[in-house]
Amino acid sequence: MLFSNCRATNLVPMLLAMCCWAATTLAANANEQSFKSLCGLGALDVPGFTSAQPAFVPPPSYPSEAEDNWSEGWAMLEYAISSDGAVRGITVVDALGQSDFIASTVKAVESWRYKPATRNGLAVEQSLYQLSVLFRLRGPRREANHEQFIRQYNRSRLLLQGKRYDEAIAIMEDAFKARLNLYETTMGSFMLAIAYAQKGDWQRALFHIRHAVIEDGAYLEKSLRVIAFASQVELEVRQGNLAEAKCAFHQLRTIDSPSALGESKAAKMIATIDATLSNPKPLVTSATLATHPLLESAAVWRHQMFRPKFSFAEINGEVKSFRLACAGGSQEASVNLKTQWNVPSQSGRCLLRVEGETGATFRLIEEH
């Protein structure tokens, strides 16, 4: 069974129909990227610092059950690389697909070795390294090949058109329990993002739109990428994720015409962000701790830092601790309302990871 004979269909705002394809070759590809190039937001600017480089990084094994079921996966990891080139402190930040993809990724990365980072010629630890891993089927096209998913997708699409959002969400989320390829998961994620946005559940909408655009939107229908990245800009802004909003806008600019972007809502949002970041007043971000449906981990909130000093305010619920990881250093501490911490100087871009109870809220205050 195919989707409407591959004809275009209407959704809120738009989705395209999908067709079947046959996979031919399997490969697990590790797509490395140092944190210095994250989101195209600029190079790591640490005087005398050179990032770690891969030395022995064999790809993860493709799970046999996934191969049998023509399914694919993706995972985003962060870890440190010690001064002797060993990997430590692996954290799975995000993932798509079944848990065996994650297990295979972690097992492989644990054995990897790097040429260590250096500072002024001496080997040092790189406290923050980011990596995405793809498990993908190679074939002529990226389209749907699981009949049950096709049926559920079409049913969910019709319900969404009829504004029966809860029913559409329930069917699509049930579809994600099966083994799927990346085309199916990104298209399904796009649909869920639209449905949750229509309900005003911005946090879940953001969760799914991020999955729709993994790997720069490579697995989403081309005609949907502008819509997806523009939606991500708005959703990131709603959640106070300024760096991520700029990242999404950067990707949007690579696929949209500059003249169209000049008057776009996304461009105006980014102009507001730039004005906010250039303002010397304290930068205040509201945060909510949340768990990842696929990952067995504590509730977390992640944030790319903009300013050299930070503190916490208006804590509601249990907010336990934080880890500030930078390419050139890291620190950990319990969260409290009295202390103001300093981001290590000459440490490069830094990510703040806050852990605690699901649903706990707080405000992060960044100052010069």
Protein backbone atom coordinates (compact mmCIF):
# COMPACT_ATOMS: atom_id res chain seq x y z
CA MET A 1 0.00 0.00 0.00
CA LEU A 2 1.28 3.45 -0.93
CA PHE A 3 0.39 6.93 0.23
CA SER A 4 -2.19 8.28 -2.23
CA ASN A 5 -0.05 7.14 -5.17
CA CYS A 6 2.63 9.61 -4.07
CA ARG A 7 0.48 12.70 -4.68
CA ALA A 8 0.85 15.83 -2.56
CA THR A 9 -1.69 16.28 0.23
CA ASN A 10 -2.75 19.15 2.50
CA LEU A 11 -2.00 19.26 6.21
CA VAL A 12 -1.62 21.99 8.83
CA PRO A 13 0.18 23.71 7.25
CA MET A 14 1.34 21.11 4.73
CA LEU A 15 2.64 17.54 4.43
CA LEU A 16 3.59 15.52 1.40
CA ALA A 17 2.60 11.93 0.71
CA MET A 18 5.18 9.16 0.91
CA CYS A 19 5.88 6.07 -1.18
CA CYS A 20 7.60 2.73 -0.59
CA TRP A 21 11.18 1.85 -1.49
CA ALA A 22 13.52 -1.11 -1.21
CA ALA A 23 16.71 -0.93 0.80
CA THR A 24 19.86 -2.37 -0.72
CA THR A 25 22.88 -1.73 1.50
CA LEU A 26 23.32 -1.18 5.21
CA ALA A 27 25.84 1.11 6.86
CA ALA A 28 26.29 2.69 10.27
CA ASN A 29 27.91 6.06 9.71
CA ALA A 30 29.50 8.10 12.50
CA ASN A 31 29.26 11.77 11.60
CA GLU A 32 31.72 13.53 13.88
CA GLN A 33 31.59 17.18 14.72
CA SER A 34 33.57 18.99 17.34
CA PHE A 35 31.58 21.34 19.51
CA LYS A 36 33.46 24.23 17.92
CA SER A 37 31.30 23.96 14.80
CA LEU A 38 27.97 23.43 16.57
CA CYS A 39 25.09 24.98 14.62
CA GLY A 40 27.43 27.06 12.46
CA LEU A 41 27.59 29.65 15.22
CA GLY A 42 31.31 30.26 14.89
CA ALA A 43 34.63 28.58 15.58
CA LEU A 44 35.97 27.74 19.00
CA ASP A 45 37.92 30.80 20.09
CA VAL A 46 40.38 29.63 22.73
CA PRO A 47 43.92 31.00 22.34
CA GLY A 48 46.43 28.19 21.93
CA PHE A 49 43.76 25.46 22.03
CA THR A 50 43.47 22.76 19.35
CA SER A 51 40.51 20.38 19.43
CA ALA A 52 40.92 16.59 19.76
CA GLN A 53 41.04 14.65 16.49
CA PRO A 54 39.81 11.08 15.79
CA ALA A 55 42.49 8.40 15.79
CA PHE A 56 40.57 5.10 16.16
CA VAL A 57 36.79 5.39 15.67
CA PRO A 58 35.33 2.20 14.13
CA PRO A 59 31.59 2.59 13.40
CA PRO A 60 29.02 1.03 15.73
CA SER A 61 27.59 -2.36 14.80
CA TYR A 62 24.22 -2.25 13.07
CA PRO A 63 21.72 -4.08 15.36
CA SER A 64 20.65 -7.34 13.70
CA GLU A 65 16.95 -6.91 14.50
CA ALA A 66 17.04 -3.43 12.99
CA GLU A 67 18.59 -4.82 9.84
CA ASP A 68 15.93 -7.52 9.63
CA ASN A 69 13.16 -4.94 9.97
CA TRP A 70 14.61 -2.26 7.67
CA SER A 71 14.79 0.25 10.49
CA GLU A 72 17.16 3.14 11.13
CA GLY A 73 18.31 5.22 14.07
CA TRP A 74 20.15 8.33 15.18
CA ALA A 75 21.82 9.42 18.40
CA MET A 76 23.47 12.59 19.70
CA LEU A 77 26.19 12.18 22.32
CA GLU A 78 28.38 14.44 24.41
CA TYR A 79 31.51 13.36 26.23
CA ALA A 80 34.96 14.40 27.36
CA ILE A 81 38.26 13.33 25.80
CA SER A 82 41.06 12.88 28.31
CA SER A 83 44.62 14.08 27.85
CA ASP A 84 45.60 10.55 26.75
CA GLY A 85 42.86 10.45 24.09
CA ALA A 86 40.36 8.19 25.89
CA VAL A 87 36.61 8.88 25.94
CA ARG A 88 34.92 9.40 29.30
CA GLY A 89 31.62 10.66 30.72
CA ILE A 90 29.42 9.68 27.79
CA THR A 91 25.96 11.30 27.86
CA VAL A 92 23.27 10.42 25.34
CA VAL A 93 21.63 13.77 24.71
CA ASP A 94 18.99 12.77 22.18
CA ALA A 95 18.00 9.81 20.02
CA LEU A 96 15.57 8.42 17.46
CA GLY A 97 14.82 4.74 16.98
CA GLN A 98 14.85 1.74 19.28
CA SER A 99 17.13 1.39 22.30
CA ASP A 100 19.53 -1.06 20.64
CA PHE A 101 20.78 1.76 18.42
CA ILE A 102 21.73 3.69 21.56
CA ALA A 103 23.38 0.66 23.15
CA SER A 104 25.42 -0.03 20.04
CA THR A 105 26.50 3.60 19.81
CA VAL A 106 27.64 3.83 23.43
CA LYS A 107 29.50 0.52 23.22
CA ALA A 108 31.42 1.69 20.17
CA VAL A 109 32.23 5.16 21.47
CA GLU A 110 33.56 3.75 24.74
CA SER A 111 36.37 2.09 22.76
CA TRP A 112 37.25 5.10 20.61
CA ARG A 113 40.57 6.87 20.85
CA TYR A 114 41.54 10.39 19.84
CA LYS A 115 44.62 12.42 19.29
CA PRO A 116 44.12 14.57 22.40
CA ALA A 117 43.41 18.27 22.42
CA THR A 118 46.35 20.55 23.08
CA ARG A 119 46.80 23.90 24.72
CA ASN A 120 49.98 25.71 23.78
CA GLY A 121 51.35 22.42 22.48
CA LEU A 122 50.64 20.35 25.62
CA ALA A 123 48.04 17.56 25.71
CA VAL A 124 44.97 18.51 27.77
CA GLU A 125 41.48 17.23 28.41
CA GLN A 126 38.72 18.45 26.13
CA SER A 127 35.75 18.58 28.46
CA LEU A 128 33.10 18.92 25.78
CA TYR A 129 32.93 16.98 22.51
CA GLN A 130 29.71 16.43 20.59
CA LEU A 131 28.95 13.67 18.11
CA SER A 132 25.98 12.51 16.06
CA VAL A 133 25.73 8.91 14.85
CA LEU A 134 23.50 7.74 12.02
CA PHE A 135 22.31 4.19 11.45
CA ARG A 136 20.96 4.36 7.95
CA LEU A 137 19.80 2.17 5.09
CA ARG A 138 21.37 3.07 1.79
CA GLY A 139 19.08 3.14 -1.19
CA PRO A 140 18.03 5.33 -4.11
CA ARG A 141 15.38 7.22 -2.12
CA ARG A 142 14.39 7.97 1.47
CA GLU A 143 10.74 6.98 1.71
CA ALA A 144 8.30 4.92 3.73
CA ASN A 145 8.61 1.14 3.64
CA HIS A 146 6.57 -0.08 6.63
CA GLU A 147 2.92 -0.67 5.73
CA GLN A 148 1.61 -0.33 9.29
CA PHE A 149 3.26 3.06 9.63
CA ILE A 150 1.77 4.16 6.30
CA ARG A 151 -1.73 3.27 7.50
CA GLN A 152 -1.24 5.02 10.85
CA TYR A 153 0.31 8.07 9.23
CA ASN A 154 -2.58 8.49 6.79
CA ARG A 155 -5.14 8.04 9.54
CA SER A 156 -3.37 10.54 11.78
CA ARG A 157 -3.08 13.02 8.91
CA LEU A 158 -6.85 12.94 8.31
CA LEU A 159 -7.57 13.40 12.01
CA LEU A 160 -5.21 16.35 12.14
CA GLN A 161 -6.92 17.94 9.16
CA GLY A 162 -10.18 17.52 11.08
CA LYS A 163 -8.62 19.25 14.12
CA ARG A 164 -8.94 16.07 16.20
CA TYR A 165 -5.49 16.65 17.61
CA ASP A 166 -5.50 14.25 20.57
CA GLU A 167 -6.59 11.32 18.40
CA ALA A 168 -4.01 12.17 15.75
CA ILE A 169 -1.27 12.36 18.38
CA ALA A 170 -2.25 9.05 19.98
CA ILE A 171 -2.10 7.19 16.66
CA MET A 172 1.19 8.75 15.60
CA GLU A 173 2.87 8.14 18.96
CA ASP A 174 1.74 4.53 18.83
CA ALA A 175 3.33 4.26 15.38
CA PHE A 176 6.67 5.28 16.90
CA LYS A 177 6.70 2.13 19.05
CA ALA A 178 7.53 0.11 15.93
CA ARG A 179 10.83 -0.03 14.07
CA LEU A 180 10.93 2.74 11.46
CA ASN A 181 13.36 4.32 9.05
CA LEU A 182 14.58 7.91 9.40
CA TYR A 183 12.25 9.22 6.70
CA GLU A 184 9.29 7.85 8.62
CA THR A 185 10.47 9.15 11.99
CA THR A 186 11.21 12.64 10.70
CA MET A 187 7.92 12.91 8.82
CA GLY A 188 6.04 11.54 11.82
CA SER A 189 7.90 13.94 14.09
CA PHE A 190 6.91 16.85 11.86
CA MET A 191 3.26 15.82 12.11
CA LEU A 192 3.45 15.53 15.90
CA ALA A 193 5.13 18.93 16.14
CA ILE A 194 2.27 20.51 14.18
CA ALA A 195 -0.36 18.72 16.28
CA TYR A 196 1.19 19.74 19.61
CA ALA A 197 1.65 23.31 18.38
CA GLN A 198 -2.03 23.46 17.48
CA LYS A 199 -2.79 22.38 21.06
CA GLY A 200 -0.46 25.04 22.47
CA ASP A 201 1.90 22.46 23.99
CA TRP A 202 5.07 24.27 22.94
CA GLN A 203 7.50 22.04 24.83
CA ARG A 204 6.35 18.83 23.13
CA ALA A 205 6.07 20.61 19.80
CA LEU A 206 9.71 21.67 20.12
CA PHE A 207 10.79 18.14 21.08
CA HIS A 208 9.30 16.76 17.87
CA ILE A 209 10.32 19.55 15.49
CA ARG A 210 13.94 19.04 16.57
CA HIS A 211 13.62 15.40 15.54
CA ALA A 212 12.04 16.37 12.23
CA VAL A 213 15.16 18.35 11.27
CA ILE A 214 17.96 16.04 12.44
CA GLU A 215 21.08 16.15 10.29
CA ASP A 216 20.08 19.56 8.90
CA GLY A 217 16.72 18.24 7.72
CA ALA A 218 18.28 15.68 5.38
CA TYR A 219 15.56 13.06 5.98
CA LEU A 220 12.55 15.38 5.84
CA GLU A 221 10.74 16.15 2.59
CA LYS A 222 12.58 19.04 0.91
CA SER A 223 9.39 21.05 0.50
CA LEU A 224 8.83 20.94 4.28
CA ARG A 225 12.28 22.08 5.41
CA VAL A 226 11.56 25.81 5.24
CA ILE A 227 8.38 25.31 7.27
CA ALA A 228 10.15 23.04 9.76
CA PHE A 229 13.13 25.31 10.43
CA ALA A 230 10.93 28.42 10.59
CA SER A 231 8.72 26.60 13.10
CA GLN A 232 11.76 25.56 15.10
CA VAL A 233 12.94 29.17 15.32
CA GLU A 234 9.62 30.21 16.82
CA LEU A 235 9.42 27.24 19.20
CA GLU A 236 13.01 27.72 20.42
CA VAL A 237 12.29 31.40 21.10
CA ARG A 238 9.15 30.48 23.06
CA GLN A 239 11.27 28.25 25.31
CA GLY A 240 14.03 30.84 25.72
CA ASN A 241 16.58 28.82 23.72
CA LEU A 242 18.31 31.69 21.97
CA ALA A 243 21.36 29.79 20.68
CA GLU A 244 19.20 27.01 19.27
CA ALA A 245 16.91 29.57 17.61
CA LYS A 246 19.93 31.14 15.90
CA CYS A 247 21.05 27.66 14.85
CA ALA A 248 17.67 26.91 13.26
CA PHE A 249 17.70 30.27 11.50
CA HIS A 250 21.17 29.54 10.17
CA GLN A 251 19.81 26.34 8.60
CA LEU A 252 16.77 28.19 7.29
CA ARG A 253 18.98 30.67 5.48
CA THR A 254 20.73 27.85 3.64
CA ILE A 255 17.48 26.72 2.00
CA ASP A 256 15.38 29.87 1.73
CA SER A 257 15.92 32.98 -0.41
CA PRO A 258 17.48 35.95 1.42
CA SER A 259 14.86 38.33 0.00
CA ALA A 260 12.04 36.25 1.44
CA LEU A 261 13.79 36.00 4.79
CA GLY A 262 14.19 39.76 5.04
CA GLU A 263 10.53 40.23 5.95
CA SER A 264 9.95 36.85 7.57
CA LYS A 265 8.73 36.32 11.09
CA ALA A 266 11.81 34.21 11.82
CA ALA A 267 14.15 37.00 10.73
CA LYS A 268 12.39 39.46 13.01
CA MET A 269 12.72 37.03 15.93
CA ILE A 270 16.44 36.67 15.31
CA ALA A 271 16.82 40.46 15.15
CA THR A 272 15.16 40.63 18.57
CA ILE A 273 17.52 37.95 19.91
CA ASP A 274 20.56 39.82 18.62
CA ALA A 275 19.31 43.01 20.26
CA THR A 276 18.77 41.14 23.53
CA LEU A 277 22.24 39.63 23.49
CA SER A 278 23.87 43.00 22.77
CA ASN A 279 22.01 44.63 25.67
CA PRO A 280 24.24 44.82 28.80
CA LYS A 281 21.29 44.09 31.12
CA PRO A 282 21.18 40.64 32.77
CA LEU A 283 19.94 37.89 30.49
CA VAL A 284 17.11 36.00 32.21
CA THR A 285 15.94 32.62 30.87
CA SER A 286 13.01 30.61 32.26
CA ALA A 287 13.62 26.86 32.37
CA THR A 288 11.70 23.64 33.02
CA LEU A 289 13.35 20.27 33.69
CA ALA A 290 12.08 17.45 31.48
CA THR A 291 12.87 13.81 30.74
CA HIS A 292 13.44 12.29 27.30
CA PRO A 293 10.89 9.58 26.38
CA LEU A 294 13.59 7.33 24.89
CA LEU A 295 16.35 7.82 27.44
CA GLU A 296 16.65 6.47 30.97
CA SER A 297 18.04 9.62 32.56
CA ALA A 298 17.23 12.31 35.06
CA ALA A 299 15.13 15.32 34.12
CA VAL A 300 17.46 17.88 32.58
CA TRP A 301 17.65 21.31 30.99
CA ARG A 302 20.48 22.24 28.64
CA HIS A 303 21.57 25.74 27.71
CA GLN A 304 24.39 27.27 25.71
CA MET A 305 25.97 30.03 27.77
CA PHE A 306 26.31 33.60 26.52
CA ARG A 307 27.84 35.47 29.48
CA PRO A 308 30.68 34.88 31.95
CA LYS A 309 28.66 34.89 35.19
CA PHE A 310 25.49 33.03 36.11
CA SER A 311 23.16 32.36 39.04
CA PHE A 312 19.78 30.75 39.73
CA ALA A 313 16.52 32.35 40.91
CA GLU A 314 12.86 31.49 41.53
CA ILE A 315 13.38 27.74 41.96
CA ASN A 316 10.16 25.72 42.16
CA GLY A 317 10.53 21.98 42.74
CA GLU A 318 13.76 20.05 43.17
CA VAL A 319 16.62 21.43 41.09
CA LYS A 320 19.62 19.40 42.24
CA SER A 321 22.84 20.17 40.43
CA PHE A 322 24.51 21.50 37.32
CA ARG A 323 27.47 20.67 35.13
CA LEU A 324 29.07 23.38 33.06
CA ALA A 325 31.01 21.73 30.25
CA CYS A 326 33.28 23.76 27.98
CA ALA A 327 35.82 22.62 25.44
CA GLY A 328 38.58 24.00 27.65
CA GLY A 329 37.28 23.08 31.12
CA SER A 330 34.29 22.08 33.27
CA GLN A 331 32.80 22.47 36.73
CA GLU A 332 29.99 20.87 38.74
CA ALA A 333 28.06 22.07 41.80
CA SER A 334 24.77 21.84 43.67
CA VAL A 335 22.25 24.47 42.68
CA ASN A 336 21.43 27.17 45.23
CA LEU A 337 20.03 30.69 45.25
CA LYS A 338 22.99 32.38 46.92
CA THR A 339 25.98 31.68 44.70
CA GLN A 340 27.05 33.37 41.50
CA TRP A 341 29.36 31.20 39.40
CA ASN A 342 31.94 32.22 36.82
CA VAL A 343 32.37 30.59 33.44
CA PRO A 344 36.08 29.67 33.13
CA SER A 345 37.96 32.24 31.08
CA GLN A 346 39.35 31.16 27.70
CA SER A 347 37.26 27.99 27.79
CA GLY A 348 35.36 28.35 24.51
CA ARG A 349 31.67 27.74 24.10
CA CYS A 350 30.01 26.18 27.14
CA LEU A 351 26.91 24.09 27.76
CA LEU A 352 25.10 24.19 31.09
CA ARG A 353 23.29 20.98 32.04
CA VAL A 354 20.93 21.26 35.02
CA GLU A 355 19.41 18.12 36.62
CA GLY A 356 16.58 17.56 39.06
CA GLU A 357 12.92 16.63 39.35
CA THR A 358 10.66 16.45 36.31
CA GLY A 359 8.63 19.63 36.01
CA ALA A 360 10.84 21.69 38.33
CA THR A 361 11.28 25.27 37.15
CA PHE A 362 13.79 28.05 37.72
CA ARG A 363 15.31 31.09 36.13
CA LEU A 364 18.89 31.33 34.95
CA ILE A 365 20.45 34.79 35.19
CA GLU A 366 23.52 35.51 33.06
CA GLU A 367 25.57 38.65 33.59
CA HIS A 368 28.75 40.28 32.34
